[in-house]
Amino acid sequence: MSAFVAALEELFADPNLARDVVHVADGGAPRLIRAVMRRADAITDFGDARLWSETTRIDLRVAEVPAPRPGDRIEIDGEAFLIQGEPVRDRERLVWTVDLRPA
């Protein structure tokens, strides 16, 4: 096991950083997985204006969710979200970062 994989396992096991969520692939069965929450706000420049919006992003392990797709459902503490846009993998190809929108 590489140092990156070992560190990643520790991060996703930490109850302060990660939590259990439910992933439902389009047409698939619900599965309990671990996710690291990234509820950052986004500021977008549009001409001379700057637009602020709440975003919900999470990190998922590739080992648990090998191919997340737009439209897949994520349930966090009973609140439902859909993956929007294309998921992005990290450089080591171990973690997906996905953008969510309320379902």
PDB file of N, CA and C in Angstrom:
ATOM      1  N   MET A   1       0.845  -1.170   0.000  1.00  0.00           N
ATOM      2  CA  MET A   1       0.000   0.000   0.000  1.00  0.00           C
ATOM      3  C   MET A   1       0.894   1.237   0.000  1.00  0.00           C
ATOM      4  N   SER A   2       0.625   2.165  -0.914  1.00  0.00           N
ATOM      5  CA  SER A   2       1.448   3.367  -1.001  1.00  0.00           C
ATOM      6  C   SER A   2       1.109   4.319   0.146  1.00  0.00           C
ATOM      7  N   ALA A   3       1.972   5.278   0.360  1.00  0.00           N
ATOM      8  CA  ALA A   3       1.756   6.273   1.412  1.00  0.00           C
ATOM      9  C   ALA A   3       0.501   7.088   1.132  1.00  0.00           C
ATOM     10  N   PHE A   4       0.226   7.381  -0.143  1.00  0.00           N
ATOM     11  CA  PHE A   4      -0.975   8.139  -0.506  1.00  0.00           C
ATOM     12  C   PHE A   4      -2.237   7.370  -0.142  1.00  0.00           C
ATOM     13  N   VAL A   5      -2.261   6.091  -0.456  1.00  0.00           N
ATOM     14  CA  VAL A   5      -3.432   5.257  -0.164  1.00  0.00           C
ATOM     15  C   VAL A   5      -3.629   5.154   1.348  1.00  0.00           C
ATOM     16  N   ALA A   6      -2.558   4.974   2.091  1.00  0.00           N
ATOM     17  CA  ALA A   6      -2.653   4.872   3.546  1.00  0.00           C
ATOM     18  C   ALA A   6      -3.175   6.173   4.153  1.00  0.00           C
ATOM     19  N   ALA A   7      -2.666   7.299   3.685  1.00  0.00           N
ATOM     20  CA  ALA A   7      -3.127   8.599   4.186  1.00  0.00           C
ATOM     21  C   ALA A   7      -4.592   8.827   3.836  1.00  0.00           C
ATOM     22  N   LEU A   8      -4.967   8.443   2.640  1.00  0.00           N
ATOM     23  CA  LEU A   8      -6.352   8.589   2.197  1.00  0.00           C
ATOM     24  C   LEU A   8      -7.297   7.757   3.057  1.00  0.00           C
ATOM     25  N   GLU A   9      -6.903   6.530   3.373  1.00  0.00           N
ATOM     26  CA  GLU A   9      -7.722   5.667   4.225  1.00  0.00           C
ATOM     27  C   GLU A   9      -7.918   6.299   5.596  1.00  0.00           C
ATOM     28  N   GLU A  10      -6.878   6.906   6.139  1.00  0.00           N
ATOM     29  CA  GLU A  10      -6.979   7.576   7.441  1.00  0.00           C
ATOM     30  C   GLU A  10      -7.931   8.763   7.381  1.00  0.00           C
ATOM     31  N   LEU A  11      -7.852   9.565   6.322  1.00  0.00           N
ATOM     32  CA  LEU A  11      -8.728  10.730   6.175  1.00  0.00           C
ATOM     33  C   LEU A  11     -10.193  10.318   6.084  1.00  0.00           C
ATOM     34  N   PHE A  12     -10.489   9.321   5.262  1.00  0.00           N
ATOM     35  CA  PHE A  12     -11.863   8.892   5.083  1.00  0.00           C
ATOM     36  C   PHE A  12     -12.400   8.131   6.302  1.00  0.00           C
ATOM     37  N   ALA A  13     -11.520   7.619   7.157  1.00  0.00           N
ATOM     38  CA  ALA A  13     -11.958   6.940   8.381  1.00  0.00           C
ATOM     39  C   ALA A  13     -12.186   7.919   9.528  1.00  0.00           C
ATOM     40  N   ASP A  14     -11.618   9.121   9.451  1.00  0.00           N
ATOM     41  CA  ASP A  14     -11.721  10.107  10.519  1.00  0.00           C
ATOM     42  C   ASP A  14     -13.156  10.623  10.643  1.00  0.00           C
ATOM     43  N   PRO A  15     -13.786  10.460  11.815  1.00  0.00           N
ATOM     44  CA  PRO A  15     -15.173  10.912  11.974  1.00  0.00           C
ATOM     45  C   PRO A  15     -15.334  12.428  11.956  1.00  0.00           C
ATOM     46  N   ASN A  16     -14.241  13.176  12.138  1.00  0.00           N
ATOM     47  CA  ASN A  16     -14.305  14.635  12.084  1.00  0.00           C
ATOM     48  C   ASN A  16     -14.228  15.169  10.653  1.00  0.00           C
ATOM     49  N   LEU A  17     -13.696  14.398   9.736  1.00  0.00           N
ATOM     50  CA  LEU A  17     -13.533  14.849   8.354  1.00  0.00           C
ATOM     51  C   LEU A  17     -14.512  14.204   7.392  1.00  0.00           C
ATOM     52  N   ALA A  18     -14.841  12.952   7.620  1.00  0.00           N
ATOM     53  CA  ALA A  18     -15.676  12.212   6.672  1.00  0.00           C
ATOM     54  C   ALA A  18     -16.932  11.716   7.379  1.00  0.00           C
ATOM     55  N   ARG A  19     -17.922  11.374   6.573  1.00  0.00           N
ATOM     56  CA  ARG A  19     -19.168  10.839   7.122  1.00  0.00           C
ATOM     57  C   ARG A  19     -19.743   9.808   6.181  1.00  0.00           C
ATOM     58  N   ASP A  20     -20.675   9.033   6.704  1.00  0.00           N
ATOM     59  CA  ASP A  20     -21.383   8.059   5.882  1.00  0.00           C
ATOM     60  C   ASP A  20     -22.438   8.787   5.058  1.00  0.00           C
ATOM     61  N   VAL A  21     -22.504   8.464   3.779  1.00  0.00           N
ATOM     62  CA  VAL A  21     -23.542   8.971   2.879  1.00  0.00           C
ATOM     63  C   VAL A  21     -24.054   7.795   2.062  1.00  0.00           C
ATOM     64  N   VAL A  22     -25.171   8.000   1.412  1.00  0.00           N
ATOM     65  CA  VAL A  22     -25.740   6.955   0.558  1.00  0.00           C
ATOM     66  C   VAL A  22     -25.565   7.387  -0.885  1.00  0.00           C
ATOM     67  N   HIS A  23     -24.999   6.506  -1.699  1.00  0.00           N
ATOM     68  CA  HIS A  23     -24.839   6.752  -3.130  1.00  0.00           C
ATOM     69  C   HIS A  23     -25.788   5.832  -3.882  1.00  0.00           C
ATOM     70  N   VAL A  24     -26.560   6.427  -4.791  1.00  0.00           N
ATOM     71  CA  VAL A  24     -27.461   5.643  -5.629  1.00  0.00           C
ATOM     72  C   VAL A  24     -27.136   5.963  -7.078  1.00  0.00           C
ATOM     73  N   ALA A  25     -26.486   5.036  -7.760  1.00  0.00           N
ATOM     74  CA  ALA A  25     -26.197   5.219  -9.179  1.00  0.00           C
ATOM     75  C   ALA A  25     -27.504   5.212  -9.944  1.00  0.00           C
ATOM     76  N   ASP A  26     -27.548   5.895 -11.067  1.00  0.00           N
ATOM     77  CA  ASP A  26     -28.755   5.962 -11.880  1.00  0.00           C
ATOM     78  C   ASP A  26     -29.221   4.551 -12.211  1.00  0.00           C
ATOM     79  N   GLY A  27     -30.359   4.147 -11.669  1.00  0.00           N
ATOM     80  CA  GLY A  27     -30.896   2.811 -11.904  1.00  0.00           C
ATOM     81  C   GLY A  27     -30.308   1.738 -11.014  1.00  0.00           C
ATOM     82  N   GLY A  28     -29.467   2.119 -10.050  1.00  0.00           N
ATOM     83  CA  GLY A  28     -28.822   1.119  -9.202  1.00  0.00           C
ATOM     84  C   GLY A  28     -29.408   1.076  -7.799  1.00  0.00           C
ATOM     85  N   ALA A  29     -28.814   0.248  -6.985  1.00  0.00           N
ATOM     86  CA  ALA A  29     -29.245   0.080  -5.597  1.00  0.00           C
ATOM     87  C   ALA A  29     -28.471   1.035  -4.691  1.00  0.00           C
ATOM     88  N   PRO A  30     -29.076   1.488  -3.593  1.00  0.00           N
ATOM     89  CA  PRO A  30     -28.379   2.361  -2.647  1.00  0.00           C
ATOM     90  C   PRO A  30     -27.198   1.638  -1.996  1.00  0.00           C
ATOM     91  N   ARG A  31     -26.100   2.388  -1.818  1.00  0.00           N
ATOM     92  CA  ARG A  31     -24.903   1.837  -1.156  1.00  0.00           C
ATOM     93  C   ARG A  31     -24.387   2.846  -0.153  1.00  0.00           C
ATOM     94  N   LEU A  32     -24.018   2.385   1.018  1.00  0.00           N
ATOM     95  CA  LEU A  32     -23.429   3.238   2.041  1.00  0.00           C
ATOM     96  C   LEU A  32     -21.946   3.392   1.744  1.00  0.00           C
ATOM     97  N   ILE A  33     -21.488   4.640   1.655  1.00  0.00           N
ATOM     98  CA  ILE A  33     -20.079   4.930   1.373  1.00  0.00           C
ATOM     99  C   ILE A  33     -19.611   6.031   2.308  1.00  0.00           C
ATOM    100  N   ARG A  34     -18.320   6.342   2.267  1.00  0.00           N
ATOM    101  CA  ARG A  34     -17.755   7.446   3.052  1.00  0.00           C
ATOM    102  C   ARG A  34     -17.467   8.610   2.116  1.00  0.00           C
ATOM    103  N   ALA A  35     -17.661   9.834   2.615  1.00  0.00           N
ATOM    104  CA  ALA A  35     -17.401  11.034   1.819  1.00  0.00           C
ATOM    105  C   ALA A  35     -16.798  12.109   2.712  1.00  0.00           C
ATOM    106  N   VAL A  36     -15.913  12.901   2.136  1.00  0.00           N
ATOM    107  CA  VAL A  36     -15.366  14.077   2.810  1.00  0.00           C
ATOM    108  C   VAL A  36     -16.131  15.278   2.273  1.00  0.00           C
ATOM    109  N   MET A  37     -16.698  16.064   3.183  1.00  0.00           N
ATOM    110  CA  MET A  37     -17.525  17.202   2.803  1.00  0.00           C
ATOM    111  C   MET A  37     -16.658  18.411   2.471  1.00  0.00           C
ATOM    112  N   ARG A  38     -17.066  19.148   1.437  1.00  0.00           N
ATOM    113  CA  ARG A  38     -16.402  20.395   1.043  1.00  0.00           C
ATOM    114  C   ARG A  38     -17.482  21.417   0.733  1.00  0.00           C
ATOM    115  N   ARG A  39     -18.128  21.947   1.717  1.00  0.00           N
ATOM    116  CA  ARG A  39     -19.221  22.901   1.486  1.00  0.00           C
ATOM    117  C   ARG A  39     -18.654  24.314   1.360  1.00  0.00           C
ATOM    118  N   ALA A  40     -17.973  24.558   0.300  1.00  0.00           N
ATOM    119  CA  ALA A  40     -17.370  25.874   0.074  1.00  0.00           C
ATOM    120  C   ALA A  40     -18.327  26.764  -0.701  1.00  0.00           C
ATOM    121  N   ASP A  41     -18.187  28.073  -0.509  1.00  0.00           N
ATOM    122  CA  ASP A  41     -18.934  29.028  -1.315  1.00  0.00           C
ATOM    123  C   ASP A  41     -18.118  29.344  -2.555  1.00  0.00           C
ATOM    124  N   ALA A  42     -18.805  29.628  -3.643  1.00  0.00           N
ATOM    125  CA  ALA A  42     -18.133  29.941  -4.903  1.00  0.00           C
ATOM    126  C   ALA A  42     -18.407  31.395  -5.272  1.00  0.00           C
ATOM    127  N   ILE A  43     -17.370  32.090  -5.717  1.00  0.00           N
ATOM    128  CA  ILE A  43     -17.515  33.453  -6.216  1.00  0.00           C
ATOM    129  C   ILE A  43     -17.135  33.425  -7.681  1.00  0.00           C
ATOM    130  N   THR A  44     -18.071  33.852  -8.513  1.00  0.00           N
ATOM    131  CA  THR A  44     -17.887  33.820  -9.958  1.00  0.00           C
ATOM    132  C   THR A  44     -17.905  35.236 -10.497  1.00  0.00           C
ATOM    133  N   ASP A  45     -16.909  35.572 -11.316  1.00  0.00           N
ATOM    134  CA  ASP A  45     -16.891  36.883 -11.966  1.00  0.00           C
ATOM    135  C   ASP A  45     -17.758  36.828 -13.209  1.00  0.00           C
ATOM    136  N   PHE A  46     -18.610  37.844 -13.354  1.00  0.00           N
ATOM    137  CA  PHE A  46     -19.480  37.956 -14.517  1.00  0.00           C
ATOM    138  C   PHE A  46     -19.440  39.422 -14.935  1.00  0.00           C
ATOM    139  N   GLY A  47     -18.571  39.721 -15.904  1.00  0.00           N
ATOM    140  CA  GLY A  47     -18.353  41.123 -16.272  1.00  0.00           C
ATOM    141  C   GLY A  47     -17.740  41.855 -15.094  1.00  0.00           C
ATOM    142  N   ASP A  48     -18.358  42.973 -14.694  1.00  0.00           N
ATOM    143  CA  ASP A  48     -17.874  43.733 -13.545  1.00  0.00           C
ATOM    144  C   ASP A  48     -18.476  43.248 -12.229  1.00  0.00           C
ATOM    145  N   ALA A  49     -19.401  42.323 -12.306  1.00  0.00           N
ATOM    146  CA  ALA A  49     -20.075  41.830 -11.104  1.00  0.00           C
ATOM    147  C   ALA A  49     -19.389  40.563 -10.591  1.00  0.00           C
ATOM    148  N   ARG A  50     -19.541  40.352  -9.300  1.00  0.00           N
ATOM    149  CA  ARG A  50     -19.080  39.112  -8.679  1.00  0.00           C
ATOM    150  C   ARG A  50     -20.295  38.453  -8.044  1.00  0.00           C
ATOM    151  N   LEU A  51     -20.561  37.217  -8.428  1.00  0.00           N
ATOM    152  CA  LEU A  51     -21.721  36.493  -7.944  1.00  0.00           C
ATOM    153  C   LEU A  51     -21.296  35.463  -6.909  1.00  0.00           C
ATOM    154  N   TRP A  52     -22.004  35.452  -5.795  1.00  0.00           N
ATOM    155  CA  TRP A  52     -21.740  34.498  -4.730  1.00  0.00           C
ATOM    156  C   TRP A  52     -22.804  33.414  -4.756  1.00  0.00           C
ATOM    157  N   SER A  53     -22.391  32.178  -4.594  1.00  0.00           N
ATOM    158  CA  SER A  53     -23.361  31.086  -4.514  1.00  0.00           C
ATOM    159  C   SER A  53     -22.832  30.009  -3.569  1.00  0.00           C
ATOM    160  N   GLU A  54     -23.787  29.400  -2.863  1.00  0.00           N
ATOM    161  CA  GLU A  54     -23.424  28.260  -2.024  1.00  0.00           C
ATOM    162  C   GLU A  54     -23.173  27.069  -2.923  1.00  0.00           C
ATOM    163  N   THR A  55     -22.178  26.295  -2.598  1.00  0.00           N
ATOM    164  CA  THR A  55     -21.912  25.076  -3.346  1.00  0.00           C
ATOM    165  C   THR A  55     -21.811  23.917  -2.366  1.00  0.00           C
ATOM    166  N   THR A  56     -22.101  22.757  -2.855  1.00  0.00           N
ATOM    167  CA  THR A  56     -21.897  21.548  -2.066  1.00  0.00           C
ATOM    168  C   THR A  56     -21.029  20.627  -2.905  1.00  0.00           C
ATOM    169  N   ARG A  57     -19.833  20.398  -2.416  1.00  0.00           N
ATOM    170  CA  ARG A  57     -18.898  19.483  -3.075  1.00  0.00           C
ATOM    171  C   ARG A  57     -18.495  18.433  -2.066  1.00  0.00           C
ATOM    172  N   ILE A  58     -18.290  17.244  -2.572  1.00  0.00           N
ATOM    173  CA  ILE A  58     -17.803  16.169  -1.719  1.00  0.00           C
ATOM    174  C   ILE A  58     -16.726  15.394  -2.455  1.00  0.00           C
ATOM    175  N   ASP A  59     -15.880  14.755  -1.672  1.00  0.00           N
ATOM    176  CA  ASP A  59     -14.862  13.848  -2.214  1.00  0.00           C
ATOM    177  C   ASP A  59     -15.317  12.424  -1.954  1.00  0.00           C
ATOM    178  N   LEU A  60     -15.172  11.588  -2.972  1.00  0.00           N
ATOM    179  CA  LEU A  60     -15.517  10.166  -2.890  1.00  0.00           C
ATOM    180  C   LEU A  60     -14.302   9.341  -3.281  1.00  0.00           C
ATOM    181  N   ARG A  61     -14.111   8.220  -2.635  1.00  0.00           N
ATOM    182  CA  ARG A  61     -13.005   7.333  -3.016  1.00  0.00           C
ATOM    183  C   ARG A  61     -13.341   6.593  -4.308  1.00  0.00           C
ATOM    184  N   VAL A  62     -12.393   6.561  -5.217  1.00  0.00           N
ATOM    185  CA  VAL A  62     -12.561   5.825  -6.475  1.00  0.00           C
ATOM    186  C   VAL A  62     -12.800   4.346  -6.169  1.00  0.00           C
ATOM    187  N   ALA A  63     -12.195   3.837  -5.111  1.00  0.00           N
ATOM    188  CA  ALA A  63     -12.371   2.431  -4.742  1.00  0.00           C
ATOM    189  C   ALA A  63     -13.826   2.116  -4.395  1.00  0.00           C
ATOM    190  N   GLU A  64     -14.567   3.092  -3.849  1.00  0.00           N
ATOM    191  CA  GLU A  64     -15.969   2.871  -3.495  1.00  0.00           C
ATOM    192  C   GLU A  64     -16.932   3.239  -4.617  1.00  0.00           C
ATOM    193  N   VAL A  65     -16.609   4.290  -5.354  1.00  0.00           N
ATOM    194  CA  VAL A  65     -17.463   4.754  -6.458  1.00  0.00           C
ATOM    195  C   VAL A  65     -16.571   4.900  -7.694  1.00  0.00           C
ATOM    196  N   PRO A  66     -16.398   3.832  -8.463  1.00  0.00           N
ATOM    197  CA  PRO A  66     -15.466   3.874  -9.584  1.00  0.00           C
ATOM    198  C   PRO A  66     -15.876   4.805 -10.726  1.00  0.00           C
ATOM    199  N   ALA A  67     -17.178   5.042 -10.899  1.00  0.00           N
ATOM    200  CA  ALA A  67     -17.618   5.851 -12.051  1.00  0.00           C
ATOM    201  C   ALA A  67     -18.859   6.675 -11.706  1.00  0.00           C
ATOM    202  N   PRO A  68     -18.710   7.717 -10.874  1.00  0.00           N
ATOM    203  CA  PRO A  68     -19.873   8.556 -10.592  1.00  0.00           C
ATOM    204  C   PRO A  68     -20.290   9.314 -11.850  1.00  0.00           C
ATOM    205  N   ARG A  69     -21.586   9.504 -12.019  1.00  0.00           N
ATOM    206  CA  ARG A  69     -22.106  10.161 -13.223  1.00  0.00           C
ATOM    207  C   ARG A  69     -23.074  11.272 -12.836  1.00  0.00           C
ATOM    208  N   PRO A  70     -23.182  12.293 -13.671  1.00  0.00           N
ATOM    209  CA  PRO A  70     -24.214  13.299 -13.432  1.00  0.00           C
ATOM    210  C   PRO A  70     -25.584  12.618 -13.342  1.00  0.00           C
ATOM    211  N   GLY A  71     -26.363  13.024 -12.358  1.00  0.00           N
ATOM    212  CA  GLY A  71     -27.665  12.409 -12.133  1.00  0.00           C
ATOM    213  C   GLY A  71     -27.662  11.365 -11.032  1.00  0.00           C
ATOM    214  N   ASP A  72     -26.486  10.841 -10.662  1.00  0.00           N
ATOM    215  CA  ASP A  72     -26.423   9.924  -9.520  1.00  0.00           C
ATOM    216  C   ASP A  72     -26.892  10.681  -8.276  1.00  0.00           C
ATOM    217  N   ARG A  73     -27.503   9.948  -7.356  1.00  0.00           N
ATOM    218  CA  ARG A  73     -28.074  10.554  -6.154  1.00  0.00           C
ATOM    219  C   ARG A  73     -27.154  10.315  -4.957  1.00  0.00           C
ATOM    220  N   ILE A  74     -26.988  11.360  -4.155  1.00  0.00           N
ATOM    221  CA  ILE A  74     -26.232  11.275  -2.910  1.00  0.00           C
ATOM    222  C   ILE A  74     -27.154  11.751  -1.791  1.00  0.00           C
ATOM    223  N   GLU A  75     -27.289  10.964  -0.742  1.00  0.00           N
ATOM    224  CA  GLU A  75     -28.099  11.355   0.403  1.00  0.00           C
ATOM    225  C   GLU A  75     -27.183  11.594   1.596  1.00  0.00           C
ATOM    226  N   ILE A  76     -27.275  12.829   2.135  1.00  0.00           N
ATOM    227  CA  ILE A  76     -26.443  13.245   3.261  1.00  0.00           C
ATOM    228  C   ILE A  76     -27.373  13.625   4.408  1.00  0.00           C
ATOM    229  N   ASP A  77     -27.332  12.878   5.494  1.00  0.00           N
ATOM    230  CA  ASP A  77     -28.187  13.144   6.650  1.00  0.00           C
ATOM    231  C   ASP A  77     -29.649  13.301   6.256  1.00  0.00           C
ATOM    232  N   GLY A  78     -30.140  12.459   5.366  1.00  0.00           N
ATOM    233  CA  GLY A  78     -31.531  12.483   4.945  1.00  0.00           C
ATOM    234  C   GLY A  78     -31.857  13.520   3.884  1.00  0.00           C
ATOM    235  N   GLU A  79     -30.891  14.337   3.490  1.00  0.00           N
ATOM    236  CA  GLU A  79     -31.095  15.347   2.445  1.00  0.00           C
ATOM    237  C   GLU A  79     -30.573  14.796   1.122  1.00  0.00           C
ATOM    238  N   ALA A  80     -31.365  14.910   0.062  1.00  0.00           N
ATOM    239  CA  ALA A  80     -31.012  14.320  -1.229  1.00  0.00           C
ATOM    240  C   ALA A  80     -30.381  15.350  -2.153  1.00  0.00           C
ATOM    241  N   PHE A  81     -29.317  14.923  -2.843  1.00  0.00           N
ATOM    242  CA  PHE A  81     -28.609  15.744  -3.817  1.00  0.00           C
ATOM    243  C   PHE A  81     -28.399  14.925  -5.082  1.00  0.00           C
ATOM    244  N   LEU A  82     -28.203  15.610  -6.194  1.00  0.00           N
ATOM    245  CA  LEU A  82     -27.827  14.965  -7.449  1.00  0.00           C
ATOM    246  C   LEU A  82     -26.454  15.467  -7.866  1.00  0.00           C
ATOM    247  N   ILE A  83     -25.651  14.570  -8.428  1.00  0.00           N
ATOM    248  CA  ILE A  83     -24.355  14.993  -8.970  1.00  0.00           C
ATOM    249  C   ILE A  83     -24.626  15.810 -10.218  1.00  0.00           C
ATOM    250  N   GLN A  84     -23.992  16.982 -10.292  1.00  0.00           N
ATOM    251  CA  GLN A  84     -24.128  17.807 -11.488  1.00  0.00           C
ATOM    252  C   GLN A  84     -22.748  18.027 -12.088  1.00  0.00           C
ATOM    253  N   GLY A  85     -22.681  18.120 -13.391  1.00  0.00           N
ATOM    254  CA  GLY A  85     -21.400  18.284 -14.065  1.00  0.00           C
ATOM    255  C   GLY A  85     -20.588  17.004 -14.020  1.00  0.00           C
ATOM    256  N   GLU A  86     -19.427  17.074 -14.610  1.00  0.00           N
ATOM    257  CA  GLU A  86     -18.555  15.904 -14.659  1.00  0.00           C
ATOM    258  C   GLU A  86     -17.684  15.818 -13.409  1.00  0.00           C
ATOM    259  N   PRO A  87     -17.648  14.679 -12.743  1.00  0.00           N
ATOM    260  CA  PRO A  87     -16.749  14.491 -11.610  1.00  0.00           C
ATOM    261  C   PRO A  87     -15.288  14.630 -12.052  1.00  0.00           C
ATOM    262  N   VAL A  88     -14.446  15.081 -11.130  1.00  0.00           N
ATOM    263  CA  VAL A  88     -13.026  15.298 -11.421  1.00  0.00           C
ATOM    264  C   VAL A  88     -12.200  14.436 -10.474  1.00  0.00           C
ATOM    265  N   ARG A  89     -11.236  13.700 -11.050  1.00  0.00           N
ATOM    266  CA  ARG A  89     -10.345  12.863 -10.224  1.00  0.00           C
ATOM    267  C   ARG A  89      -9.088  13.635  -9.858  1.00  0.00           C
ATOM    268  N   ASP A  90      -8.532  13.280  -8.716  1.00  0.00           N
ATOM    269  CA  ASP A  90      -7.273  13.900  -8.284  1.00  0.00           C
ATOM    270  C   ASP A  90      -6.104  13.339  -9.095  1.00  0.00           C
ATOM    271  N   ARG A  91      -4.947  13.911  -8.893  1.00  0.00           N
ATOM    272  CA  ARG A  91      -3.764  13.531  -9.665  1.00  0.00           C
ATOM    273  C   ARG A  91      -3.361  12.073  -9.466  1.00  0.00           C
ATOM    274  N   GLU A  92      -3.572  11.574  -8.261  1.00  0.00           N
ATOM    275  CA  GLU A  92      -3.212  10.187  -7.961  1.00  0.00           C
ATOM    276  C   GLU A  92      -4.278   9.190  -8.410  1.00  0.00           C
ATOM    277  N   ARG A  93      -5.423   9.710  -8.899  1.00  0.00           N
ATOM    278  CA  ARG A  93      -6.535   8.893  -9.395  1.00  0.00           C
ATOM    279  C   ARG A  93      -7.174   8.047  -8.289  1.00  0.00           C
ATOM    280  N   LEU A  94      -7.212   8.606  -7.069  1.00  0.00           N
ATOM    281  CA  LEU A  94      -7.768   7.901  -5.926  1.00  0.00           C
ATOM    282  C   LEU A  94      -9.081   8.504  -5.429  1.00  0.00           C
ATOM    283  N   VAL A  95      -9.329   9.784  -5.753  1.00  0.00           N
ATOM    284  CA  VAL A  95     -10.471  10.508  -5.208  1.00  0.00           C
ATOM    285  C   VAL A  95     -11.212  11.249  -6.313  1.00  0.00           C
ATOM    286  N   TRP A  96     -12.544  11.174  -6.277  1.00  0.00           N
ATOM    287  CA  TRP A  96     -13.406  11.982  -7.145  1.00  0.00           C
ATOM    288  C   TRP A  96     -13.873  13.194  -6.343  1.00  0.00           C
ATOM    289  N   THR A  97     -13.894  14.360  -6.948  1.00  0.00           N
ATOM    290  CA  THR A  97     -14.575  15.523  -6.376  1.00  0.00           C
ATOM    291  C   THR A  97     -15.804  15.760  -7.241  1.00  0.00           C
ATOM    292  N   VAL A  98     -16.967  15.800  -6.599  1.00  0.00           N
ATOM    293  CA  VAL A  98     -18.219  15.983  -7.328  1.00  0.00           C
ATOM    294  C   VAL A  98     -18.971  17.198  -6.791  1.00  0.00           C
ATOM    295  N   ASP A  99     -19.622  17.903  -7.689  1.00  0.00           N
ATOM    296  CA  ASP A  99     -20.505  19.013  -7.344  1.00  0.00           C
ATOM    297  C   ASP A  99     -21.917  18.466  -7.203  1.00  0.00           C
ATOM    298  N   LEU A 100     -22.618  18.936  -6.199  1.00  0.00           N
ATOM    299  CA  LEU A 100     -23.976  18.472  -5.954  1.00  0.00           C
ATOM    300  C   LEU A 100     -24.962  19.619  -6.032  1.00  0.00           C
ATOM    301  N   ARG A 101     -26.191  19.288  -6.373  1.00  0.00           N
ATOM    302  CA  ARG A 101     -27.295  20.242  -6.305  1.00  0.00           C
ATOM    303  C   ARG A 101     -28.454  19.539  -5.623  1.00  0.00           C
ATOM    304  N   PRO A 102     -29.317  20.296  -4.934  1.00  0.00           N
ATOM    305  CA  PRO A 102     -30.447  19.663  -4.266  1.00  0.00           C
ATOM    306  C   PRO A 102     -31.313  18.892  -5.259  1.00  0.00           C
ATOM    307  N   ALA A 103     -31.815  17.741  -4.831  1.00  0.00           N
ATOM    308  CA  ALA A 103     -32.658  16.901  -5.714  1.00  0.00           C
ATOM    309  C   ALA A 103     -34.087  17.413  -5.725  1.00  0.00           C
TER     310      ALA A 103
END
